[in-house]
């Protein structure tokens, strides 16, 4: 990225640190050969995989198990015209191991909607990219007019 365009690339660890702060992210997957985006709450596990919790019979669980998806989270300050965005790309898998499921039930994300049968989905952090908008409405130290 051009350092003068107002954006700064984030390193992998910076990206993961930002994800820890974000309460909500978005899963990007394919539905009927078209892009689909769903907001989700999430957590990171010890291997820095994104972990989601959803109903076992949800469309999301069926649609992304075993496929490569993207997960995006961000933070924006509209007043300061600043923010960041992180994208994790990797294979999503439903956690089937009972011991791992029990562990995630204690340590993983809490569901915002009650379900009698939750599953956890892990998205491997195979590719992690991010960028930060630095400088907001200024360019070369000069404030830009608002539109």
N, C-alpha and C. Protein backbone atom coordinates (compact mmCIF):
# COMPACT_ATOMS: atom_id res chain seq x y z
N UNK A 1 0.83 -1.19 0.00
CA UNK A 1 0.00 0.00 0.00
C UNK A 1 0.88 1.25 0.00
N UNK A 2 0.43 2.24 -0.66
CA UNK A 2 1.13 3.51 -0.71
C UNK A 2 1.00 4.20 0.64
N UNK A 3 2.13 4.55 1.29
CA UNK A 3 2.03 5.17 2.61
C UNK A 3 1.36 6.54 2.58
N UNK A 4 1.24 7.12 1.39
CA UNK A 4 0.61 8.44 1.29
C UNK A 4 -0.88 8.37 1.02
N UNK A 5 -1.45 7.17 0.91
CA UNK A 5 -2.88 7.08 0.62
C UNK A 5 -3.75 7.10 1.87
N UNK A 6 -3.13 7.23 3.03
CA UNK A 6 -3.89 7.31 4.28
C UNK A 6 -4.13 5.98 4.96
N UNK A 7 -3.70 4.88 4.35
CA UNK A 7 -3.89 3.57 4.94
C UNK A 7 -2.54 2.96 5.33
N UNK A 8 -2.59 2.13 6.37
CA UNK A 8 -1.40 1.42 6.83
C UNK A 8 -1.76 -0.05 6.95
N UNK A 9 -0.94 -0.91 6.36
CA UNK A 9 -1.15 -2.34 6.51
C UNK A 9 -0.86 -2.76 7.93
N UNK A 10 -1.67 -3.67 8.45
CA UNK A 10 -1.47 -4.21 9.78
C UNK A 10 -0.78 -5.57 9.67
N UNK A 11 0.17 -5.82 10.53
CA UNK A 11 0.80 -7.13 10.58
C UNK A 11 -0.14 -8.15 11.19
N UNK A 12 0.21 -9.42 11.07
CA UNK A 12 -0.65 -10.49 11.55
C UNK A 12 -0.99 -10.32 13.03
N UNK A 13 0.01 -10.07 13.87
CA UNK A 13 -0.26 -9.94 15.31
C UNK A 13 -1.13 -8.72 15.60
N UNK A 14 -0.89 -7.62 14.89
CA UNK A 14 -1.75 -6.43 15.06
C UNK A 14 -3.19 -6.76 14.70
N UNK A 15 -3.37 -7.52 13.62
CA UNK A 15 -4.72 -7.92 13.22
C UNK A 15 -5.40 -8.74 14.30
N UNK A 16 -4.68 -9.72 14.84
CA UNK A 16 -5.26 -10.58 15.88
C UNK A 16 -5.57 -9.77 17.13
N UNK A 17 -4.70 -8.82 17.48
CA UNK A 17 -4.96 -7.95 18.64
C UNK A 17 -6.23 -7.14 18.43
N UNK A 18 -6.45 -6.65 17.21
CA UNK A 18 -7.67 -5.87 16.93
C UNK A 18 -8.91 -6.75 17.02
N UNK A 19 -8.80 -8.00 16.55
CA UNK A 19 -9.96 -8.90 16.61
C UNK A 19 -10.41 -9.15 18.04
N UNK A 20 -9.46 -9.23 18.96
CA UNK A 20 -9.80 -9.47 20.36
C UNK A 20 -10.71 -8.35 20.89
N UNK A 21 -10.53 -7.14 20.37
CA UNK A 21 -11.31 -5.98 20.82
C UNK A 21 -12.69 -5.89 20.19
N UNK A 22 -12.90 -6.56 19.07
CA UNK A 22 -14.15 -6.40 18.31
C UNK A 22 -15.25 -7.30 18.85
N UNK A 23 -16.44 -6.76 19.13
CA UNK A 23 -17.53 -7.59 19.65
C UNK A 23 -18.30 -8.34 18.56
N UNK A 24 -18.28 -7.81 17.33
CA UNK A 24 -19.07 -8.37 16.24
C UNK A 24 -18.20 -8.46 14.99
N UNK A 25 -18.43 -9.49 14.22
CA UNK A 25 -17.76 -9.63 12.93
C UNK A 25 -18.77 -10.10 11.90
N UNK A 26 -18.29 -10.38 10.70
CA UNK A 26 -19.16 -10.82 9.63
C UNK A 26 -18.55 -12.03 8.94
N UNK A 27 -19.36 -13.05 8.71
CA UNK A 27 -18.94 -14.21 7.96
C UNK A 27 -19.37 -14.01 6.51
N UNK A 28 -18.43 -14.17 5.61
CA UNK A 28 -18.71 -14.03 4.18
C UNK A 28 -18.61 -15.43 3.57
N UNK A 29 -19.70 -15.88 2.97
CA UNK A 29 -19.74 -17.21 2.37
C UNK A 29 -20.59 -17.16 1.12
N UNK A 30 -20.78 -18.31 0.50
CA UNK A 30 -21.57 -18.38 -0.72
C UNK A 30 -22.91 -19.05 -0.41
N UNK A 31 -23.98 -18.42 -0.89
CA UNK A 31 -25.32 -18.99 -0.76
C UNK A 31 -25.98 -18.95 -2.14
N UNK A 32 -26.33 -20.11 -2.65
CA UNK A 32 -26.94 -20.20 -3.99
C UNK A 32 -26.08 -19.49 -5.04
N UNK A 33 -24.78 -19.71 -4.98
CA UNK A 33 -23.79 -19.16 -5.92
C UNK A 33 -23.67 -17.64 -5.84
N UNK A 34 -24.18 -17.04 -4.77
CA UNK A 34 -24.06 -15.59 -4.58
C UNK A 34 -23.39 -15.30 -3.24
N UNK A 35 -22.73 -14.16 -3.12
CA UNK A 35 -22.11 -13.82 -1.83
C UNK A 35 -23.18 -13.56 -0.77
N UNK A 36 -22.89 -14.03 0.43
CA UNK A 36 -23.77 -13.80 1.58
C UNK A 36 -22.91 -13.33 2.74
N UNK A 37 -23.43 -12.41 3.52
CA UNK A 37 -22.70 -11.86 4.66
C UNK A 37 -23.64 -11.88 5.86
N UNK A 38 -23.15 -12.47 6.97
CA UNK A 38 -23.95 -12.54 8.18
C UNK A 38 -23.17 -11.98 9.37
N UNK A 39 -23.77 -11.07 10.14
CA UNK A 39 -23.10 -10.60 11.35
C UNK A 39 -23.16 -11.68 12.43
N UNK A 40 -22.06 -11.82 13.17
CA UNK A 40 -21.97 -12.83 14.23
C UNK A 40 -21.12 -12.31 15.38
N UNK A 41 -21.40 -12.81 16.58
CA UNK A 41 -20.45 -12.59 17.66
C UNK A 41 -19.47 -13.75 17.62
N UNK A 42 -18.28 -13.57 18.19
CA UNK A 42 -17.22 -14.55 18.01
C UNK A 42 -16.19 -14.41 19.12
N UNK A 43 -15.24 -15.32 19.12
CA UNK A 43 -14.06 -15.20 19.96
C UNK A 43 -12.89 -15.81 19.20
N UNK A 44 -11.69 -15.61 19.72
CA UNK A 44 -10.50 -16.26 19.18
C UNK A 44 -10.09 -17.35 20.14
N UNK A 45 -9.65 -18.49 19.59
CA UNK A 45 -9.17 -19.55 20.47
C UNK A 45 -7.66 -19.48 20.60
N UNK A 46 -7.07 -20.43 21.28
CA UNK A 46 -5.63 -20.42 21.55
C UNK A 46 -4.81 -20.52 20.28
N UNK A 47 -5.36 -21.10 19.22
CA UNK A 47 -4.64 -21.21 17.94
C UNK A 47 -4.93 -20.01 17.03
N UNK A 48 -5.60 -18.99 17.56
CA UNK A 48 -5.97 -17.78 16.83
C UNK A 48 -6.94 -18.07 15.69
N UNK A 49 -7.74 -19.11 15.86
CA UNK A 49 -8.84 -19.35 14.94
C UNK A 49 -10.05 -18.57 15.44
N UNK A 50 -10.89 -18.16 14.51
CA UNK A 50 -12.15 -17.50 14.86
C UNK A 50 -13.14 -18.58 15.24
N UNK A 51 -13.83 -18.41 16.35
CA UNK A 51 -14.82 -19.40 16.81
C UNK A 51 -16.18 -18.72 16.87
N UNK A 52 -17.15 -19.37 16.22
CA UNK A 52 -18.55 -18.92 16.21
C UNK A 52 -19.39 -19.94 16.94
N UNK A 53 -20.52 -19.49 17.45
CA UNK A 53 -21.48 -20.39 18.09
C UNK A 53 -22.84 -20.14 17.45
N UNK A 54 -23.47 -21.21 17.00
CA UNK A 54 -24.77 -21.06 16.34
C UNK A 54 -25.60 -22.32 16.57
N UNK A 55 -26.83 -22.28 16.18
CA UNK A 55 -27.72 -23.44 16.30
C UNK A 55 -27.25 -24.54 15.35
N UNK A 56 -27.32 -25.77 15.80
CA UNK A 56 -26.89 -26.91 14.98
C UNK A 56 -27.67 -27.01 13.69
N UNK A 57 -28.93 -26.58 13.71
CA UNK A 57 -29.74 -26.68 12.49
C UNK A 57 -29.81 -25.36 11.72
N UNK A 58 -28.89 -24.44 11.99
CA UNK A 58 -28.91 -23.15 11.31
C UNK A 58 -28.40 -23.28 9.88
N UNK A 59 -28.87 -22.38 9.05
CA UNK A 59 -28.40 -22.32 7.66
C UNK A 59 -26.89 -22.05 7.63
N UNK A 60 -26.40 -21.22 8.54
CA UNK A 60 -24.98 -20.91 8.57
C UNK A 60 -24.14 -22.16 8.81
N UNK A 61 -24.51 -22.97 9.78
CA UNK A 61 -23.75 -24.19 10.07
C UNK A 61 -23.71 -25.12 8.87
N UNK A 62 -24.82 -25.26 8.19
CA UNK A 62 -24.85 -26.13 7.00
C UNK A 62 -24.06 -25.54 5.85
N UNK A 63 -24.13 -24.23 5.68
CA UNK A 63 -23.53 -23.58 4.51
C UNK A 63 -22.01 -23.52 4.57
N UNK A 64 -21.42 -23.38 5.76
CA UNK A 64 -19.98 -23.13 5.80
C UNK A 64 -19.14 -24.29 6.29
N UNK A 65 -19.74 -25.37 6.78
CA UNK A 65 -18.95 -26.50 7.29
C UNK A 65 -18.12 -27.11 6.16
N UNK A 66 -16.81 -27.05 6.32
CA UNK A 66 -15.90 -27.66 5.36
C UNK A 66 -15.50 -26.80 4.18
N UNK A 67 -15.95 -25.57 4.14
CA UNK A 67 -15.61 -24.71 3.00
C UNK A 67 -14.76 -23.52 3.46
N UNK A 68 -14.09 -22.90 2.50
CA UNK A 68 -13.29 -21.71 2.79
C UNK A 68 -14.23 -20.51 2.84
N UNK A 69 -14.09 -19.73 3.89
CA UNK A 69 -14.90 -18.53 4.07
C UNK A 69 -13.99 -17.36 4.44
N UNK A 70 -14.56 -16.18 4.43
CA UNK A 70 -13.86 -15.01 4.94
C UNK A 70 -14.62 -14.53 6.17
N UNK A 71 -13.88 -14.00 7.11
CA UNK A 71 -14.46 -13.41 8.31
C UNK A 71 -13.87 -12.02 8.42
N UNK A 72 -14.72 -11.02 8.63
CA UNK A 72 -14.26 -9.64 8.70
C UNK A 72 -14.79 -8.99 9.97
N UNK A 73 -13.93 -8.20 10.61
CA UNK A 73 -14.34 -7.36 11.74
C UNK A 73 -13.67 -6.01 11.57
N UNK A 74 -14.30 -4.99 12.14
CA UNK A 74 -13.75 -3.65 11.98
C UNK A 74 -14.19 -2.75 13.12
N UNK A 75 -13.62 -1.58 13.13
CA UNK A 75 -14.04 -0.51 14.04
C UNK A 75 -13.88 0.79 13.27
N UNK A 76 -14.86 1.66 13.41
CA UNK A 76 -14.86 2.91 12.67
C UNK A 76 -15.21 4.05 13.62
N UNK A 77 -14.48 5.15 13.50
CA UNK A 77 -14.80 6.38 14.21
C UNK A 77 -15.21 7.39 13.15
N UNK A 78 -16.52 7.57 12.97
CA UNK A 78 -17.02 8.44 11.91
C UNK A 78 -16.66 9.90 12.13
N UNK A 79 -16.52 10.31 13.38
CA UNK A 79 -16.17 11.70 13.67
C UNK A 79 -14.71 11.97 13.34
N UNK A 80 -13.84 11.07 13.74
CA UNK A 80 -12.41 11.25 13.49
C UNK A 80 -11.99 10.77 12.11
N UNK A 81 -12.91 10.14 11.39
CA UNK A 81 -12.63 9.61 10.06
C UNK A 81 -11.45 8.64 10.11
N UNK A 82 -11.54 7.71 11.04
CA UNK A 82 -10.48 6.72 11.20
C UNK A 82 -11.09 5.36 11.47
N UNK A 83 -10.27 4.34 11.39
CA UNK A 83 -10.76 3.00 11.67
C UNK A 83 -9.81 1.95 11.17
N UNK A 84 -10.26 0.70 11.32
CA UNK A 84 -9.46 -0.43 10.87
C UNK A 84 -10.39 -1.55 10.42
N UNK A 85 -9.84 -2.46 9.64
CA UNK A 85 -10.58 -3.63 9.17
C UNK A 85 -9.61 -4.80 9.10
N UNK A 86 -10.06 -5.97 9.55
CA UNK A 86 -9.27 -7.19 9.53
C UNK A 86 -10.09 -8.29 8.85
N UNK A 87 -9.44 -9.04 7.98
CA UNK A 87 -10.09 -10.16 7.29
C UNK A 87 -9.29 -11.43 7.57
N UNK A 88 -10.00 -12.46 8.02
CA UNK A 88 -9.42 -13.79 8.22
C UNK A 88 -10.04 -14.70 7.17
N UNK A 89 -9.20 -15.38 6.42
CA UNK A 89 -9.68 -16.31 5.41
C UNK A 89 -9.18 -17.70 5.77
N UNK A 90 -10.09 -18.67 5.74
CA UNK A 90 -9.69 -20.04 6.07
C UNK A 90 -10.87 -20.99 6.01
N UNK A 91 -10.58 -22.26 6.19
CA UNK A 91 -11.61 -23.29 6.16
C UNK A 91 -12.41 -23.28 7.46
N UNK A 92 -13.71 -23.33 7.33
CA UNK A 92 -14.62 -23.40 8.48
C UNK A 92 -15.00 -24.84 8.74
N UNK A 93 -14.93 -25.26 9.99
CA UNK A 93 -15.30 -26.62 10.35
C UNK A 93 -16.14 -26.62 11.62
N UNK A 94 -17.21 -27.39 11.62
CA UNK A 94 -18.00 -27.58 12.83
C UNK A 94 -17.17 -28.44 13.78
N UNK A 95 -17.12 -28.04 15.04
CA UNK A 95 -16.38 -28.79 16.06
C UNK A 95 -17.22 -30.00 16.46
N UNK A 96 -16.71 -31.20 16.17
CA UNK A 96 -17.45 -32.43 16.46
C UNK A 96 -16.93 -33.18 17.67
N UNK A 97 -15.72 -32.87 18.09
CA UNK A 97 -15.13 -33.58 19.24
C UNK A 97 -15.86 -33.16 20.52
N UNK A 98 -16.44 -34.11 21.28
CA UNK A 98 -17.20 -33.77 22.48
C UNK A 98 -16.38 -33.02 23.54
N UNK A 99 -15.13 -33.40 23.74
CA UNK A 99 -14.30 -32.71 24.74
C UNK A 99 -14.01 -31.28 24.31
N UNK A 100 -13.73 -31.09 23.03
CA UNK A 100 -13.47 -29.74 22.52
C UNK A 100 -14.74 -28.89 22.59
N UNK A 101 -15.88 -29.50 22.28
CA UNK A 101 -17.16 -28.78 22.37
C UNK A 101 -17.41 -28.34 23.81
N UNK A 102 -17.16 -29.23 24.76
CA UNK A 102 -17.35 -28.90 26.18
C UNK A 102 -16.42 -27.76 26.60
N UNK A 103 -15.18 -27.81 26.12
CA UNK A 103 -14.23 -26.73 26.44
C UNK A 103 -14.71 -25.40 25.87
N UNK A 104 -15.17 -25.40 24.61
CA UNK A 104 -15.64 -24.16 23.99
C UNK A 104 -16.93 -23.67 24.64
N UNK A 105 -17.73 -24.58 25.18
CA UNK A 105 -18.96 -24.17 25.88
C UNK A 105 -18.60 -23.34 27.11
N UNK A 106 -17.43 -23.62 27.70
CA UNK A 106 -16.97 -22.85 28.86
C UNK A 106 -16.20 -21.58 28.47
N UNK A 107 -15.43 -21.66 27.39
CA UNK A 107 -14.50 -20.57 27.07
C UNK A 107 -14.83 -19.80 25.80
N UNK A 108 -15.68 -20.34 24.95
CA UNK A 108 -15.96 -19.74 23.65
C UNK A 108 -16.99 -18.63 23.72
N UNK A 109 -17.43 -18.18 22.57
CA UNK A 109 -18.41 -17.09 22.54
C UNK A 109 -19.76 -17.54 23.10
N UNK A 110 -20.46 -16.61 23.68
CA UNK A 110 -21.81 -16.86 24.19
C UNK A 110 -22.81 -16.54 23.09
N UNK A 111 -23.79 -17.37 22.94
CA UNK A 111 -24.82 -17.14 21.93
C UNK A 111 -25.75 -16.03 22.38
N UNK A 112 -26.13 -15.18 21.44
CA UNK A 112 -27.08 -14.11 21.75
C UNK A 112 -28.51 -14.63 21.64
N UNK A 113 -28.68 -15.77 21.00
CA UNK A 113 -30.00 -16.37 20.83
C UNK A 113 -29.93 -17.78 21.42
N UNK A 114 -30.87 -18.10 22.30
CA UNK A 114 -30.84 -19.43 22.91
C UNK A 114 -31.25 -20.49 21.90
N UNK A 115 -30.59 -21.63 22.00
CA UNK A 115 -30.87 -22.75 21.12
C UNK A 115 -30.67 -24.03 21.92
N UNK A 116 -31.52 -25.03 21.71
CA UNK A 116 -31.35 -26.27 22.48
C UNK A 116 -30.11 -27.06 22.04
N UNK A 117 -29.61 -26.79 20.84
CA UNK A 117 -28.44 -27.54 20.37
C UNK A 117 -27.48 -26.63 19.61
N UNK A 118 -26.55 -26.04 20.35
CA UNK A 118 -25.56 -25.18 19.74
C UNK A 118 -24.40 -25.99 19.19
N UNK A 119 -23.79 -25.47 18.15
CA UNK A 119 -22.53 -26.01 17.64
C UNK A 119 -21.53 -24.87 17.58
N UNK A 120 -20.27 -25.24 17.63
CA UNK A 120 -19.20 -24.27 17.46
C UNK A 120 -18.59 -24.48 16.09
N UNK A 121 -18.28 -23.40 15.43
CA UNK A 121 -17.63 -23.44 14.13
C UNK A 121 -16.29 -22.73 14.27
N UNK A 122 -15.26 -23.39 13.84
CA UNK A 122 -13.91 -22.81 13.90
C UNK A 122 -13.49 -22.44 12.48
N UNK A 123 -13.04 -21.19 12.32
CA UNK A 123 -12.50 -20.73 11.05
C UNK A 123 -10.99 -20.59 11.23
N UNK A 124 -10.23 -21.43 10.54
CA UNK A 124 -8.78 -21.40 10.65
C UNK A 124 -8.25 -20.07 10.11
N UNK A 125 -7.28 -19.50 10.79
CA UNK A 125 -6.71 -18.23 10.36
C UNK A 125 -5.55 -18.47 9.39
N UNK A 126 -5.90 -19.03 8.23
CA UNK A 126 -4.88 -19.35 7.23
C UNK A 126 -4.29 -18.10 6.60
N UNK A 127 -5.11 -17.11 6.36
CA UNK A 127 -4.66 -15.84 5.80
C UNK A 127 -5.30 -14.73 6.64
N UNK A 128 -4.47 -13.86 7.19
CA UNK A 128 -4.95 -12.76 8.02
C UNK A 128 -4.39 -11.46 7.46
N UNK A 129 -5.28 -10.56 7.07
CA UNK A 129 -4.86 -9.27 6.53
C UNK A 129 -5.65 -8.17 7.21
N UNK A 130 -5.09 -6.98 7.21
CA UNK A 130 -5.79 -5.86 7.80
C UNK A 130 -5.17 -4.55 7.39
N UNK A 131 -5.95 -3.52 7.56
CA UNK A 131 -5.44 -2.18 7.31
C UNK A 131 -6.12 -1.19 8.23
N UNK A 132 -5.42 -0.10 8.44
CA UNK A 132 -5.90 0.95 9.33
C UNK A 132 -5.90 2.25 8.55
N UNK A 133 -6.97 3.01 8.69
CA UNK A 133 -7.02 4.35 8.12
C UNK A 133 -6.34 5.28 9.10
N UNK A 134 -5.27 5.87 8.67
CA UNK A 134 -4.54 6.80 9.52
C UNK A 134 -4.65 8.18 8.92
N UNK A 135 -4.86 9.16 9.74
CA UNK A 135 -4.93 10.53 9.25
C UNK A 135 -6.32 11.02 8.97
N UNK A 136 -7.26 10.12 8.73
CA UNK A 136 -8.64 10.52 8.51
C UNK A 136 -8.79 11.56 7.44
N UNK A 137 -9.32 12.72 7.78
CA UNK A 137 -9.63 13.77 6.80
C UNK A 137 -8.45 14.70 6.56
N UNK A 138 -7.26 14.24 6.83
CA UNK A 138 -6.10 15.08 6.53
C UNK A 138 -5.24 14.40 5.49
N UNK A 139 -4.55 15.19 4.72
CA UNK A 139 -3.61 14.70 3.74
C UNK A 139 -2.40 15.60 3.80
N UNK A 140 -1.26 15.02 4.05
CA UNK A 140 -0.01 15.77 4.15
C UNK A 140 -0.10 16.86 5.23
N UNK A 141 -0.83 16.56 6.32
CA UNK A 141 -0.90 17.48 7.44
C UNK A 141 -1.89 18.62 7.28
N UNK A 142 -2.65 18.63 6.18
CA UNK A 142 -3.62 19.70 5.92
C UNK A 142 -5.02 19.12 6.02
N UNK A 143 -5.89 19.75 6.81
CA UNK A 143 -7.26 19.27 6.92
C UNK A 143 -7.97 19.40 5.59
N UNK A 144 -8.68 18.33 5.20
CA UNK A 144 -9.47 18.36 3.98
C UNK A 144 -10.87 18.85 4.30
N UNK A 145 -11.49 19.55 3.39
CA UNK A 145 -12.86 20.02 3.65
C UNK A 145 -13.82 18.84 3.70
N UNK A 146 -14.84 18.96 4.55
CA UNK A 146 -15.88 17.94 4.61
C UNK A 146 -16.79 18.08 3.42
N UNK A 147 -17.32 16.95 2.94
CA UNK A 147 -18.24 17.05 1.80
C UNK A 147 -19.65 17.22 2.26
